[in-house]
PDB file of N, CA and C in Angstrom:
ATOM      1  N   MET A   1      -6.949   1.970 -22.653  1.00  0.00           N
ATOM      2  CA  MET A   1      -5.743   1.667 -21.901  1.00  0.00           C
ATOM      3  C   MET A   1      -5.797   2.434 -20.574  1.00  0.00           C
ATOM      4  N   ARG A   2      -5.384   1.778 -19.515  1.00  0.00           N
ATOM      5  CA  ARG A   2      -5.388   2.399 -18.195  1.00  0.00           C
ATOM      6  C   ARG A   2      -4.089   3.140 -17.946  1.00  0.00           C
ATOM      7  N   ARG A   3      -4.144   4.067 -17.014  1.00  0.00           N
ATOM      8  CA  ARG A   3      -2.958   4.826 -16.631  1.00  0.00           C
ATOM      9  C   ARG A   3      -2.418   4.296 -15.314  1.00  0.00           C
ATOM     10  N   ILE A   4      -1.109   4.446 -15.131  1.00  0.00           N
ATOM     11  CA  ILE A   4      -0.487   4.150 -13.838  1.00  0.00           C
ATOM     12  C   ILE A   4      -0.112   5.486 -13.228  1.00  0.00           C
ATOM     13  N   VAL A   5      -0.615   5.737 -12.027  1.00  0.00           N
ATOM     14  CA  VAL A   5      -0.344   6.978 -11.310  1.00  0.00           C
ATOM     15  C   VAL A   5       0.458   6.621 -10.066  1.00  0.00           C
ATOM     16  N   ILE A   6       1.538   7.316  -9.832  1.00  0.00           N
ATOM     17  CA  ILE A   6       2.385   7.041  -8.666  1.00  0.00           C
ATOM     18  C   ILE A   6       2.076   8.051  -7.567  1.00  0.00           C
ATOM     19  N   PHE A   7       1.881   7.524  -6.369  1.00  0.00           N
ATOM     20  CA  PHE A   7       1.668   8.355  -5.185  1.00  0.00           C
ATOM     21  C   PHE A   7       2.592   7.802  -4.119  1.00  0.00           C
ATOM     22  N   ASN A   8       3.796   8.331  -4.034  1.00  0.00           N
ATOM     23  CA  ASN A   8       4.827   7.781  -3.146  1.00  0.00           C
ATOM     24  C   ASN A   8       5.539   8.872  -2.361  1.00  0.00           C
ATOM     25  N   TRP A   9       6.102   8.450  -1.260  1.00  0.00           N
ATOM     26  CA  TRP A   9       7.107   9.250  -0.570  1.00  0.00           C
ATOM     27  C   TRP A   9       8.436   8.845  -1.215  1.00  0.00           C
ATOM     28  N   VAL A  10       9.192   9.793  -1.678  1.00  0.00           N
ATOM     29  CA  VAL A  10      10.481   9.498  -2.308  1.00  0.00           C
ATOM     30  C   VAL A  10      11.489  10.534  -1.818  1.00  0.00           C
ATOM     31  N   THR A  11      12.730  10.072  -1.561  1.00  0.00           N
ATOM     32  CA  THR A  11      13.772  10.990  -1.120  1.00  0.00           C
ATOM     33  C   THR A  11      14.177  11.906  -2.270  1.00  0.00           C
ATOM     34  N   ALA A  12      14.857  12.993  -1.954  1.00  0.00           N
ATOM     35  CA  ALA A  12      15.294  13.943  -2.979  1.00  0.00           C
ATOM     36  C   ALA A  12      16.194  13.277  -4.019  1.00  0.00           C
ATOM     37  N   ASP A  13      16.910  12.223  -3.631  1.00  0.00           N
ATOM     38  CA  ASP A  13      17.782  11.538  -4.593  1.00  0.00           C
ATOM     39  C   ASP A  13      17.123  10.288  -5.188  1.00  0.00           C
ATOM     40  N   GLY A  14      15.788  10.162  -5.031  1.00  0.00           N
ATOM     41  CA  GLY A  14      15.038   9.138  -5.744  1.00  0.00           C
ATOM     42  C   GLY A  14      14.850   7.799  -5.065  1.00  0.00           C
ATOM     43  N   TYR A  15      15.135   7.698  -3.792  1.00  0.00           N
ATOM     44  CA  TYR A  15      14.965   6.423  -3.096  1.00  0.00           C
ATOM     45  C   TYR A  15      13.629   6.373  -2.370  1.00  0.00           C
ATOM     46  N   PHE A  16      13.048   5.171  -2.346  1.00  0.00           N
ATOM     47  CA  PHE A  16      11.782   4.966  -1.655  1.00  0.00           C
ATOM     48  C   PHE A  16      12.024   4.566  -0.203  1.00  0.00           C
ATOM     49  N   ALA A  17      12.969   3.674   0.031  1.00  0.00           N
ATOM     50  CA  ALA A  17      13.286   3.194   1.378  1.00  0.00           C
ATOM     51  C   ALA A  17      14.631   3.747   1.821  1.00  0.00           C
ATOM     52  N   GLY A  18      14.839   3.774   3.130  1.00  0.00           N
ATOM     53  CA  GLY A  18      16.124   4.190   3.675  1.00  0.00           C
ATOM     54  C   GLY A  18      17.171   3.105   3.470  1.00  0.00           C
ATOM     55  N   PRO A  19      18.428   3.395   3.832  1.00  0.00           N
ATOM     56  CA  PRO A  19      19.502   2.408   3.653  1.00  0.00           C
ATOM     57  C   PRO A  19      19.233   1.073   4.346  1.00  0.00           C
ATOM     58  N   ASP A  20      18.424   1.102   5.418  1.00  0.00           N
ATOM     59  CA  ASP A  20      18.105  -0.134   6.149  1.00  0.00           C
ATOM     60  C   ASP A  20      16.840  -0.808   5.623  1.00  0.00           C
ATOM     61  N   GLY A  21      16.259  -0.276   4.531  1.00  0.00           N
ATOM     62  CA  GLY A  21      15.066  -0.863   3.930  1.00  0.00           C
ATOM     63  C   GLY A  21      13.762  -0.433   4.554  1.00  0.00           C
ATOM     64  N   THR A  22      13.792   0.457   5.532  1.00  0.00           N
ATOM     65  CA  THR A  22      12.561   0.904   6.197  1.00  0.00           C
ATOM     66  C   THR A  22      12.120   2.254   5.645  1.00  0.00           C
ATOM     67  N   LEU A  23      10.966   2.688   6.114  1.00  0.00           N
ATOM     68  CA  LEU A  23      10.446   4.004   5.759  1.00  0.00           C
ATOM     69  C   LEU A  23      10.573   4.976   6.932  1.00  0.00           C
ATOM     70  N   GLU A  24      11.504   4.700   7.813  1.00  0.00           N
ATOM     71  CA  GLU A  24      11.670   5.525   9.014  1.00  0.00           C
ATOM     72  C   GLU A  24      12.060   6.963   8.698  1.00  0.00           C
ATOM     73  N   TRP A  25      12.555   7.221   7.514  1.00  0.00           N
ATOM     74  CA  TRP A  25      12.982   8.565   7.126  1.00  0.00           C
ATOM     75  C   TRP A  25      11.787   9.475   6.816  1.00  0.00           C
ATOM     76  N   VAL A  26      10.591   8.894   6.603  1.00  0.00           N
ATOM     77  CA  VAL A  26       9.416   9.678   6.222  1.00  0.00           C
ATOM     78  C   VAL A  26       9.041  10.641   7.348  1.00  0.00           C
ATOM     79  N   VAL A  27       8.815  11.900   6.992  1.00  0.00           N
ATOM     80  CA  VAL A  27       8.374  12.907   7.956  1.00  0.00           C
ATOM     81  C   VAL A  27       6.853  12.990   7.844  1.00  0.00           C
ATOM     82  N   PRO A  28       6.129  12.653   8.911  1.00  0.00           N
ATOM     83  CA  PRO A  28       4.669  12.677   8.852  1.00  0.00           C
ATOM     84  C   PRO A  28       4.149  14.054   8.469  1.00  0.00           C
ATOM     85  N   ASP A  29       3.098  14.055   7.666  1.00  0.00           N
ATOM     86  CA  ASP A  29       2.546  15.316   7.179  1.00  0.00           C
ATOM     87  C   ASP A  29       1.036  15.176   7.039  1.00  0.00           C
ATOM     88  N   ASP A  30       0.285  15.974   7.795  1.00  0.00           N
ATOM     89  CA  ASP A  30      -1.171  15.891   7.747  1.00  0.00           C
ATOM     90  C   ASP A  30      -1.722  16.242   6.372  1.00  0.00           C
ATOM     91  N   GLU A  31      -1.105  17.188   5.687  1.00  0.00           N
ATOM     92  CA  GLU A  31      -1.582  17.586   4.361  1.00  0.00           C
ATOM     93  C   GLU A  31      -1.421  16.447   3.359  1.00  0.00           C
ATOM     94  N   GLN A  32      -0.344  15.689   3.473  1.00  0.00           N
ATOM     95  CA  GLN A  32      -0.140  14.542   2.578  1.00  0.00           C
ATOM     96  C   GLN A  32      -1.228  13.506   2.816  1.00  0.00           C
ATOM     97  N   ALA A  33      -1.548  13.245   4.068  1.00  0.00           N
ATOM     98  CA  ALA A  33      -2.596  12.268   4.379  1.00  0.00           C
ATOM     99  C   ALA A  33      -3.940  12.739   3.835  1.00  0.00           C
ATOM    100  N   LYS A  34      -4.239  14.023   3.964  1.00  0.00           N
ATOM    101  CA  LYS A  34      -5.490  14.571   3.423  1.00  0.00           C
ATOM    102  C   LYS A  34      -5.514  14.452   1.903  1.00  0.00           C
ATOM    103  N   ALA A  35      -4.378  14.725   1.242  1.00  0.00           N
ATOM    104  CA  ALA A  35      -4.296  14.611  -0.223  1.00  0.00           C
ATOM    105  C   ALA A  35      -4.504  13.165  -0.659  1.00  0.00           C
ATOM    106  N   ALA A  36      -3.949  12.220   0.100  1.00  0.00           N
ATOM    107  CA  ALA A  36      -4.126  10.805  -0.229  1.00  0.00           C
ATOM    108  C   ALA A  36      -5.605  10.426  -0.156  1.00  0.00           C
ATOM    109  N   VAL A  37      -6.286  10.847   0.892  1.00  0.00           N
ATOM    110  CA  VAL A  37      -7.708  10.531   1.051  1.00  0.00           C
ATOM    111  C   VAL A  37      -8.521  11.179  -0.070  1.00  0.00           C
ATOM    112  N   ALA A  38      -8.182  12.400  -0.435  1.00  0.00           N
ATOM    113  CA  ALA A  38      -8.909  13.083  -1.507  1.00  0.00           C
ATOM    114  C   ALA A  38      -8.689  12.391  -2.853  1.00  0.00           C
ATOM    115  N   GLY A  39      -7.507  11.798  -3.059  1.00  0.00           N
ATOM    116  CA  GLY A  39      -7.187  11.195  -4.343  1.00  0.00           C
ATOM    117  C   GLY A  39      -7.627   9.762  -4.534  1.00  0.00           C
ATOM    118  N   ILE A  40      -7.798   9.010  -3.450  1.00  0.00           N
ATOM    119  CA  ILE A  40      -8.051   7.572  -3.602  1.00  0.00           C
ATOM    120  C   ILE A  40      -9.350   7.208  -4.325  1.00  0.00           C
ATOM    121  N   PRO A  41     -10.391   8.034  -4.317  1.00  0.00           N
ATOM    122  CA  PRO A  41     -11.572   7.627  -5.094  1.00  0.00           C
ATOM    123  C   PRO A  41     -11.279   7.472  -6.596  1.00  0.00           C
ATOM    124  N   GLY A  42     -10.203   8.080  -7.070  1.00  0.00           N
ATOM    125  CA  GLY A  42      -9.857   7.973  -8.483  1.00  0.00           C
ATOM    126  C   GLY A  42      -9.042   6.748  -8.831  1.00  0.00           C
ATOM    127  N   PHE A  43      -8.715   5.914  -7.847  1.00  0.00           N
ATOM    128  CA  PHE A  43      -7.881   4.733  -8.073  1.00  0.00           C
ATOM    129  C   PHE A  43      -8.645   3.472  -7.702  1.00  0.00           C
ATOM    130  N   ASP A  44      -8.435   2.412  -8.490  1.00  0.00           N
ATOM    131  CA  ASP A  44      -9.134   1.163  -8.187  1.00  0.00           C
ATOM    132  C   ASP A  44      -8.194  -0.022  -8.003  1.00  0.00           C
ATOM    133  N   THR A  45      -6.899   0.204  -8.136  1.00  0.00           N
ATOM    134  CA  THR A  45      -5.921  -0.880  -8.039  1.00  0.00           C
ATOM    135  C   THR A  45      -4.631  -0.333  -7.462  1.00  0.00           C
ATOM    136  N   VAL A  46      -3.928  -1.152  -6.695  1.00  0.00           N
ATOM    137  CA  VAL A  46      -2.633  -0.770  -6.149  1.00  0.00           C
ATOM    138  C   VAL A  46      -1.592  -1.764  -6.635  1.00  0.00           C
ATOM    139  N   LEU A  47      -0.438  -1.266  -7.070  1.00  0.00           N
ATOM    140  CA  LEU A  47       0.693  -2.114  -7.447  1.00  0.00           C
ATOM    141  C   LEU A  47       1.709  -2.052  -6.319  1.00  0.00           C
ATOM    142  N   PHE A  48       2.114  -3.215  -5.824  1.00  0.00           N
ATOM    143  CA  PHE A  48       3.082  -3.290  -4.733  1.00  0.00           C
ATOM    144  C   PHE A  48       4.247  -4.187  -5.113  1.00  0.00           C
ATOM    145  N   GLY A  49       5.413  -3.888  -4.607  1.00  0.00           N
ATOM    146  CA  GLY A  49       6.491  -4.856  -4.533  1.00  0.00           C
ATOM    147  C   GLY A  49       6.297  -5.608  -3.224  1.00  0.00           C
ATOM    148  N   ARG A  50       6.976  -6.725  -3.051  1.00  0.00           N
ATOM    149  CA  ARG A  50       6.774  -7.557  -1.865  1.00  0.00           C
ATOM    150  C   ARG A  50       7.036  -6.815  -0.570  1.00  0.00           C
ATOM    151  N   VAL A  51       8.155  -6.117  -0.474  1.00  0.00           N
ATOM    152  CA  VAL A  51       8.530  -5.466   0.789  1.00  0.00           C
ATOM    153  C   VAL A  51       7.499  -4.406   1.171  1.00  0.00           C
ATOM    154  N   THR A  52       7.101  -3.575   0.214  1.00  0.00           N
ATOM    155  CA  THR A  52       6.112  -2.536   0.509  1.00  0.00           C
ATOM    156  C   THR A  52       4.765  -3.164   0.852  1.00  0.00           C
ATOM    157  N   TYR A  53       4.395  -4.211   0.139  1.00  0.00           N
ATOM    158  CA  TYR A  53       3.150  -4.904   0.457  1.00  0.00           C
ATOM    159  C   TYR A  53       3.158  -5.384   1.905  1.00  0.00           C
ATOM    160  N   GLU A  54       4.249  -5.999   2.319  1.00  0.00           N
ATOM    161  CA  GLU A  54       4.321  -6.515   3.692  1.00  0.00           C
ATOM    162  C   GLU A  54       4.254  -5.384   4.717  1.00  0.00           C
ATOM    163  N   LEU A  55       4.876  -4.248   4.427  1.00  0.00           N
ATOM    164  CA  LEU A  55       4.786  -3.099   5.339  1.00  0.00           C
ATOM    165  C   LEU A  55       3.344  -2.602   5.430  1.00  0.00           C
ATOM    166  N   PHE A  56       2.705  -2.419   4.280  1.00  0.00           N
ATOM    167  CA  PHE A  56       1.343  -1.910   4.262  1.00  0.00           C
ATOM    168  C   PHE A  56       0.357  -2.904   4.861  1.00  0.00           C
ATOM    169  N   GLU A  57       0.529  -4.188   4.556  1.00  0.00           N
ATOM    170  CA  GLU A  57      -0.387  -5.193   5.074  1.00  0.00           C
ATOM    171  C   GLU A  57      -0.412  -5.174   6.602  1.00  0.00           C
ATOM    172  N   GLY A  58       0.743  -4.991   7.206  1.00  0.00           N
ATOM    173  CA  GLY A  58       0.803  -4.910   8.660  1.00  0.00           C
ATOM    174  C   GLY A  58      -0.001  -3.750   9.216  1.00  0.00           C
ATOM    175  N   PHE A  59      -0.197  -2.732   8.405  1.00  0.00           N
ATOM    176  CA  PHE A  59      -0.978  -1.565   8.814  1.00  0.00           C
ATOM    177  C   PHE A  59      -2.465  -1.760   8.533  1.00  0.00           C
ATOM    178  N   TRP A  60      -2.834  -1.971   7.260  1.00  0.00           N
ATOM    179  CA  TRP A  60      -4.247  -1.887   6.910  1.00  0.00           C
ATOM    180  C   TRP A  60      -5.086  -3.027   7.431  1.00  0.00           C
ATOM    181  N   ARG A  61      -4.527  -4.211   7.618  1.00  0.00           N
ATOM    182  CA  ARG A  61      -5.336  -5.328   8.127  1.00  0.00           C
ATOM    183  C   ARG A  61      -5.873  -5.051   9.528  1.00  0.00           C
ATOM    184  N   HIS A  62      -5.135  -4.285  10.304  1.00  0.00           N
ATOM    185  CA  HIS A  62      -5.506  -4.049  11.697  1.00  0.00           C
ATOM    186  C   HIS A  62      -6.038  -2.641  11.947  1.00  0.00           C
ATOM    187  N   ALA A  63      -6.049  -1.807  10.920  1.00  0.00           N
ATOM    188  CA  ALA A  63      -6.437  -0.411  11.116  1.00  0.00           C
ATOM    189  C   ALA A  63      -7.938  -0.203  11.117  1.00  0.00           C
ATOM    190  N   VAL A  64      -8.681  -1.117  10.521  1.00  0.00           N
ATOM    191  CA  VAL A  64     -10.129  -0.940  10.428  1.00  0.00           C
ATOM    192  C   VAL A  64     -10.778  -1.631  11.615  1.00  0.00           C
ATOM    193  N   GLU A  65     -11.207  -0.838  12.530  1.00  0.00           N
ATOM    194  CA  GLU A  65     -11.875  -1.350  13.727  1.00  0.00           C
ATOM    195  C   GLU A  65     -13.051  -0.443  14.024  1.00  0.00           C
ATOM    196  N   ASP A  66     -13.760  -0.708  15.081  1.00  0.00           N
ATOM    197  CA  ASP A  66     -14.907   0.129  15.434  1.00  0.00           C
ATOM    198  C   ASP A  66     -14.439   1.418  16.088  1.00  0.00           C
ATOM    199  N   SER A  67     -13.845   2.250  15.278  1.00  0.00           N
ATOM    200  CA  SER A  67     -13.356   3.540  15.744  1.00  0.00           C
ATOM    201  C   SER A  67     -13.345   4.476  14.548  1.00  0.00           C
ATOM    202  N   PRO A  68     -13.593   5.762  14.747  1.00  0.00           N
ATOM    203  CA  PRO A  68     -13.553   6.694  13.616  1.00  0.00           C
ATOM    204  C   PRO A  68     -12.124   7.038  13.176  1.00  0.00           C
ATOM    205  N   THR A  69     -11.136   6.504  13.882  1.00  0.00           N
ATOM    206  CA  THR A  69      -9.744   6.790  13.544  1.00  0.00           C
ATOM    207  C   THR A  69      -8.952   5.488  13.439  1.00  0.00           C
ATOM    208  N   ALA A  70      -7.739   5.590  12.914  1.00  0.00           N
ATOM    209  CA  ALA A  70      -6.831   4.440  12.861  1.00  0.00           C
ATOM    210  C   ALA A  70      -5.469   4.903  13.342  1.00  0.00           C
ATOM    211  N   LEU A  71      -4.669   3.944  13.769  1.00  0.00           N
ATOM    212  CA  LEU A  71      -3.309   4.289  14.170  1.00  0.00           C
ATOM    213  C   LEU A  71      -2.571   4.892  12.986  1.00  0.00           C
ATOM    214  N   ASP A  72      -1.813   5.933  13.251  1.00  0.00           N
ATOM    215  CA  ASP A  72      -0.996   6.588  12.232  1.00  0.00           C
ATOM    216  C   ASP A  72       0.312   5.797  12.146  1.00  0.00           C
ATOM    217  N   PRO A  73       0.613   5.182  11.000  1.00  0.00           N
ATOM    218  CA  PRO A  73       1.820   4.348  10.917  1.00  0.00           C
ATOM    219  C   PRO A  73       3.119   5.143  11.026  1.00  0.00           C
ATOM    220  N   HIS A  74       3.039   6.461  10.889  1.00  0.00           N
ATOM    221  CA  HIS A  74       4.243   7.290  10.958  1.00  0.00           C
ATOM    222  C   HIS A  74       4.421   7.973  12.310  1.00  0.00           C
ATOM    223  N   ARG A  75       3.391   7.900  13.145  1.00  0.00           N
ATOM    224  CA  ARG A  75       3.438   8.541  14.465  1.00  0.00           C
ATOM    225  C   ARG A  75       2.915   7.550  15.504  1.00  0.00           C
ATOM    226  N   PRO A  76       3.792   6.729  16.057  1.00  0.00           N
ATOM    227  CA  PRO A  76       3.353   5.722  17.027  1.00  0.00           C
ATOM    228  C   PRO A  76       2.512   6.333  18.154  1.00  0.00           C
ATOM    229  N   GLY A  77       1.407   5.673  18.429  1.00  0.00           N
ATOM    230  CA  GLY A  77       0.529   6.117  19.511  1.00  0.00           C
ATOM    231  C   GLY A  77      -0.492   7.158  19.103  1.00  0.00           C
ATOM    232  N   GLN A  78      -0.381   7.710  17.895  1.00  0.00           N
ATOM    233  CA  GLN A  78      -1.346   8.702  17.434  1.00  0.00           C
ATOM    234  C   GLN A  78      -2.312   8.071  16.452  1.00  0.00           C
ATOM    235  N   ARG A  79      -3.490   8.676  16.339  1.00  0.00           N
ATOM    236  CA  ARG A  79      -4.540   8.161  15.462  1.00  0.00           C
ATOM    237  C   ARG A  79      -5.010   9.268  14.532  1.00  0.00           C
ATOM    238  N   SER A  80      -5.549   8.879  13.362  1.00  0.00           N
ATOM    239  CA  SER A  80      -6.094   9.896  12.458  1.00  0.00           C
ATOM    240  C   SER A  80      -7.251   9.329  11.652  1.00  0.00           C
ATOM    241  N   ARG A  81      -8.192  10.202  11.311  1.00  0.00           N
ATOM    242  CA  ARG A  81      -9.316   9.827  10.458  1.00  0.00           C
ATOM    243  C   ARG A  81      -8.832   9.507   9.050  1.00  0.00           C
ATOM    244  N   GLN A  82      -7.817  10.242   8.581  1.00  0.00           N
ATOM    245  CA  GLN A  82      -7.301  10.025   7.235  1.00  0.00           C
ATOM    246  C   GLN A  82      -6.715   8.616   7.082  1.00  0.00           C
ATOM    247  N   HIS A  83      -5.969   8.165   8.055  1.00  0.00           N
ATOM    248  CA  HIS A  83      -5.369   6.835   7.943  1.00  0.00           C
ATOM    249  C   HIS A  83      -6.428   5.730   8.034  1.00  0.00           C
ATOM    250  N   ARG A  84      -7.508   5.976   8.727  1.00  0.00           N
ATOM    251  CA  ARG A  84      -8.601   4.995   8.726  1.00  0.00           C
ATOM    252  C   ARG A  84      -9.231   4.929   7.343  1.00  0.00           C
ATOM    253  N   ALA A  85      -9.453   6.077   6.705  1.00  0.00           N
ATOM    254  CA  ALA A  85     -10.020   6.088   5.349  1.00  0.00           C
ATOM    255  C   ALA A  85      -9.093   5.375   4.366  1.00  0.00           C
ATOM    256  N   ILE A  86      -7.793   5.594   4.505  1.00  0.00           N
ATOM    257  CA  ILE A  86      -6.820   4.915   3.643  1.00  0.00           C
ATOM    258  C   ILE A  86      -6.864   3.408   3.893  1.00  0.00           C
ATOM    259  N   ALA A  87      -6.944   3.009   5.145  1.00  0.00           N
ATOM    260  CA  ALA A  87      -6.990   1.579   5.485  1.00  0.00           C
ATOM    261  C   ALA A  87      -8.236   0.915   4.916  1.00  0.00           C
ATOM    262  N   ILE A  88      -9.378   1.569   5.018  1.00  0.00           N
ATOM    263  CA  ILE A  88     -10.615   1.005   4.463  1.00  0.00           C
ATOM    264  C   ILE A  88     -10.439   0.808   2.962  1.00  0.00           C
ATOM    265  N   TRP A  89      -9.916   1.824   2.284  1.00  0.00           N
ATOM    266  CA  TRP A  89      -9.711   1.724   0.837  1.00  0.00           C
ATOM    267  C   TRP A  89      -8.736   0.598   0.503  1.00  0.00           C
ATOM    268  N   LEU A  90      -7.627   0.503   1.242  1.00  0.00           N
ATOM    269  CA  LEU A  90      -6.657  -0.559   0.972  1.00  0.00           C
ATOM    270  C   LEU A  90      -7.256  -1.948   1.188  1.00  0.00           C
ATOM    271  N   ASN A  91      -8.141  -2.090   2.162  1.00  0.00           N
ATOM    272  CA  ASN A  91      -8.788  -3.373   2.389  1.00  0.00           C
ATOM    273  C   ASN A  91      -9.706  -3.755   1.233  1.00  0.00           C
ATOM    274  N   GLU A  92     -10.325  -2.767   0.604  1.00  0.00           N
ATOM    275  CA  GLU A  92     -11.330  -3.037  -0.412  1.00  0.00           C
ATOM    276  C   GLU A  92     -10.788  -3.071  -1.838  1.00  0.00           C
ATOM    277  N   THR A  93      -9.654  -2.463  -2.094  1.00  0.00           N
ATOM    278  CA  THR A  93      -9.176  -2.312  -3.462  1.00  0.00           C
ATOM    279  C   THR A  93      -8.418  -3.545  -3.961  1.00  0.00           C
ATOM    280  N   THR A  94      -8.323  -3.664  -5.263  1.00  0.00           N
ATOM    281  CA  THR A  94      -7.549  -4.738  -5.883  1.00  0.00           C
ATOM    282  C   THR A  94      -6.071  -4.429  -5.721  1.00  0.00           C
ATOM    283  N   LYS A  95      -5.298  -5.466  -5.424  1.00  0.00           N
ATOM    284  CA  LYS A  95      -3.857  -5.296  -5.242  1.00  0.00           C
ATOM    285  C   LYS A  95      -3.112  -6.276  -6.141  1.00  0.00           C
ATOM    286  N   PHE A  96      -2.087  -5.793  -6.824  1.00  0.00           N
ATOM    287  CA  PHE A  96      -1.161  -6.652  -7.548  1.00  0.00           C
ATOM    288  C   PHE A  96       0.171  -6.556  -6.831  1.00  0.00           C
ATOM    289  N   VAL A  97       0.710  -7.703  -6.462  1.00  0.00           N
ATOM    290  CA  VAL A  97       1.982  -7.735  -5.742  1.00  0.00           C
ATOM    291  C   VAL A  97       3.002  -8.430  -6.626  1.00  0.00           C
ATOM    292  N   PHE A  98       4.085  -7.730  -6.906  1.00  0.00           N
ATOM    293  CA  PHE A  98       5.159  -8.283  -7.719  1.00  0.00           C
ATOM    294  C   PHE A  98       6.188  -8.905  -6.785  1.00  0.00           C
ATOM    295  N   SER A  99       6.284 -10.232  -6.839  1.00  0.00           N
ATOM    296  CA  SER A  99       7.179 -10.950  -5.941  1.00  0.00           C
ATOM    297  C   SER A  99       7.511 -12.311  -6.524  1.00  0.00           C
ATOM    298  N   ARG A 100       8.724 -12.739  -6.276  1.00  0.00           N
ATOM    299  CA  ARG A 100       9.108 -14.101  -6.646  1.00  0.00           C
ATOM    300  C   ARG A 100       9.027 -15.043  -5.442  1.00  0.00           C
ATOM    301  N   THR A 101       8.787 -14.487  -4.257  1.00  0.00           N
ATOM    302  CA  THR A 101       8.849 -15.316  -3.059  1.00  0.00           C
ATOM    303  C   THR A 101       7.525 -15.472  -2.320  1.00  0.00           C
ATOM    304  N   LEU A 102       6.611 -14.526  -2.426  1.00  0.00           N
ATOM    305  CA  LEU A 102       5.331 -14.637  -1.726  1.00  0.00           C
ATOM    306  C   LEU A 102       4.440 -15.663  -2.404  1.00  0.00           C
ATOM    307  N   LYS A 103       3.719 -16.391  -1.610  1.00  0.00           N
ATOM    308  CA  LYS A 103       2.739 -17.346  -2.124  1.00  0.00           C
ATOM    309  C   LYS A 103       1.382 -16.949  -1.570  1.00  0.00           C
ATOM    310  N   PHE A 104       0.434 -16.728  -2.467  1.00  0.00           N
ATOM    311  CA  PHE A 104      -0.903 -16.312  -2.071  1.00  0.00           C
ATOM    312  C   PHE A 104      -1.903 -17.403  -2.378  1.00  0.00           C
ATOM    313  N   ARG A 105      -3.006 -17.366  -1.675  1.00  0.00           N
ATOM    314  CA  ARG A 105      -4.156 -18.182  -2.030  1.00  0.00           C
ATOM    315  C   ARG A 105      -5.152 -17.257  -2.705  1.00  0.00           C
ATOM    316  N   HIS A 106      -5.883 -17.755  -3.672  1.00  0.00           N
ATOM    317  CA  HIS A 106      -6.947 -17.002  -4.345  1.00  0.00           C
ATOM    318  C   HIS A 106      -6.423 -15.766  -5.065  1.00  0.00           C
ATOM    319  N   VAL A 107      -5.194 -15.812  -5.515  1.00  0.00           N
ATOM    320  CA  VAL A 107      -4.625 -14.686  -6.244  1.00  0.00           C
ATOM    321  C   VAL A 107      -3.948 -15.235  -7.482  1.00  0.00           C
ATOM    322  N   GLU A 108      -4.158 -14.575  -8.601  1.00  0.00           N
ATOM    323  CA  GLU A 108      -3.488 -14.992  -9.822  1.00  0.00           C
ATOM    324  C   GLU A 108      -2.056 -14.498  -9.815  1.00  0.00           C
ATOM    325  N   GLU A 109      -1.161 -15.309 -10.335  1.00  0.00           N
ATOM    326  CA  GLU A 109       0.224 -14.878 -10.455  1.00  0.00           C
ATOM    327  C   GLU A 109       0.320 -13.843 -11.563  1.00  0.00           C
ATOM    328  N   PHE A 110       1.218 -12.890 -11.400  1.00  0.00           N
ATOM    329  CA  PHE A 110       1.441 -11.891 -12.434  1.00  0.00           C
ATOM    330  C   PHE A 110       2.921 -11.755 -12.656  1.00  0.00           C
ATOM    331  N   PRO A 111       3.423 -11.968 -13.826  1.00  0.00           N
ATOM    332  CA  PRO A 111       2.658 -12.429 -14.978  1.00  0.00           C
ATOM    333  C   PRO A 111       2.251 -13.873 -14.775  1.00  0.00           C
ATOM    334  N   PRO A 112       1.153 -14.294 -15.447  1.00  0.00           N
ATOM    335  CA  PRO A 112       0.707 -15.671 -15.268  1.00  0.00           C
ATOM    336  C   PRO A 112       1.732 -16.660 -15.784  1.00  0.00           C
ATOM    337  N   PRO A 113       1.791 -17.843 -15.169  1.00  0.00           N
ATOM    338  CA  PRO A 113       2.739 -18.844 -15.655  1.00  0.00           C
ATOM    339  C   PRO A 113       2.366 -19.247 -17.080  1.00  0.00           C
ATOM    340  N   PRO A 114       3.341 -19.710 -17.874  1.00  0.00           N
ATOM    341  CA  PRO A 114       3.027 -20.108 -19.239  1.00  0.00           C
ATOM    342  C   PRO A 114       2.029 -21.275 -19.244  1.00  0.00           C
ATOM    343  N   ARG A 115       1.129 -21.250 -20.175  1.00  0.00           N
ATOM    344  CA  ARG A 115       0.132 -22.325 -20.291  1.00  0.00           C
ATOM    345  C   ARG A 115       0.746 -23.466 -21.088  1.00  0.00           C
ATOM    346  N   THR A 116       0.425 -24.642 -20.673  1.00  0.00           N
ATOM    347  CA  THR A 116       0.886 -25.816 -21.411  1.00  0.00           C
ATOM    348  C   THR A 116      -0.304 -26.463 -22.073  1.00  0.00           C
ATOM    349  N   ARG A 117      -0.064 -27.069 -23.203  1.00  0.00           N
ATOM    350  CA  ARG A 117      -1.145 -27.752 -23.915  1.00  0.00           C
ATOM    351  C   ARG A 117      -1.397 -29.112 -23.264  1.00  0.00           C
ATOM    352  N   PRO A 118      -2.648 -29.513 -23.202  1.00  0.00           N
ATOM    353  CA  PRO A 118      -2.933 -30.843 -22.655  1.00  0.00           C
ATOM    354  C   PRO A 118      -2.319 -31.913 -23.559  1.00  0.00           C
ATOM    355  N   PRO A 119      -1.893 -33.048 -22.980  1.00  0.00           N
ATOM    356  CA  PRO A 119      -1.279 -34.110 -23.796  1.00  0.00           C
ATOM    357  C   PRO A 119      -2.238 -34.706 -24.795  1.00  0.00           C
TER     358      PRO A 119
END
């Protein structure tokens, strides 16, 4: 059986997003980024909800370029080696997105739709 490990920014009262649904409340921290890079080799899959997936997708799809750094999503205009490493990993890893509204190509629904017997 596999384990689920959570690596999140969470407010002191247990919220992931701010009242407006954004992550603008997150205070950038170089040590957190270094810890994320050190930990990702131990993970092979990411579980996302739709909103978080859409936020992350906007970052990682464009972060991997011919540069040793990537834009820091928490510090506009700044770049970091750690965020490039995270982006590379996010591009390569398996992702499960829990959503009732997103439609993907080449992705299995989770949970899978019920199977019907042939007539």
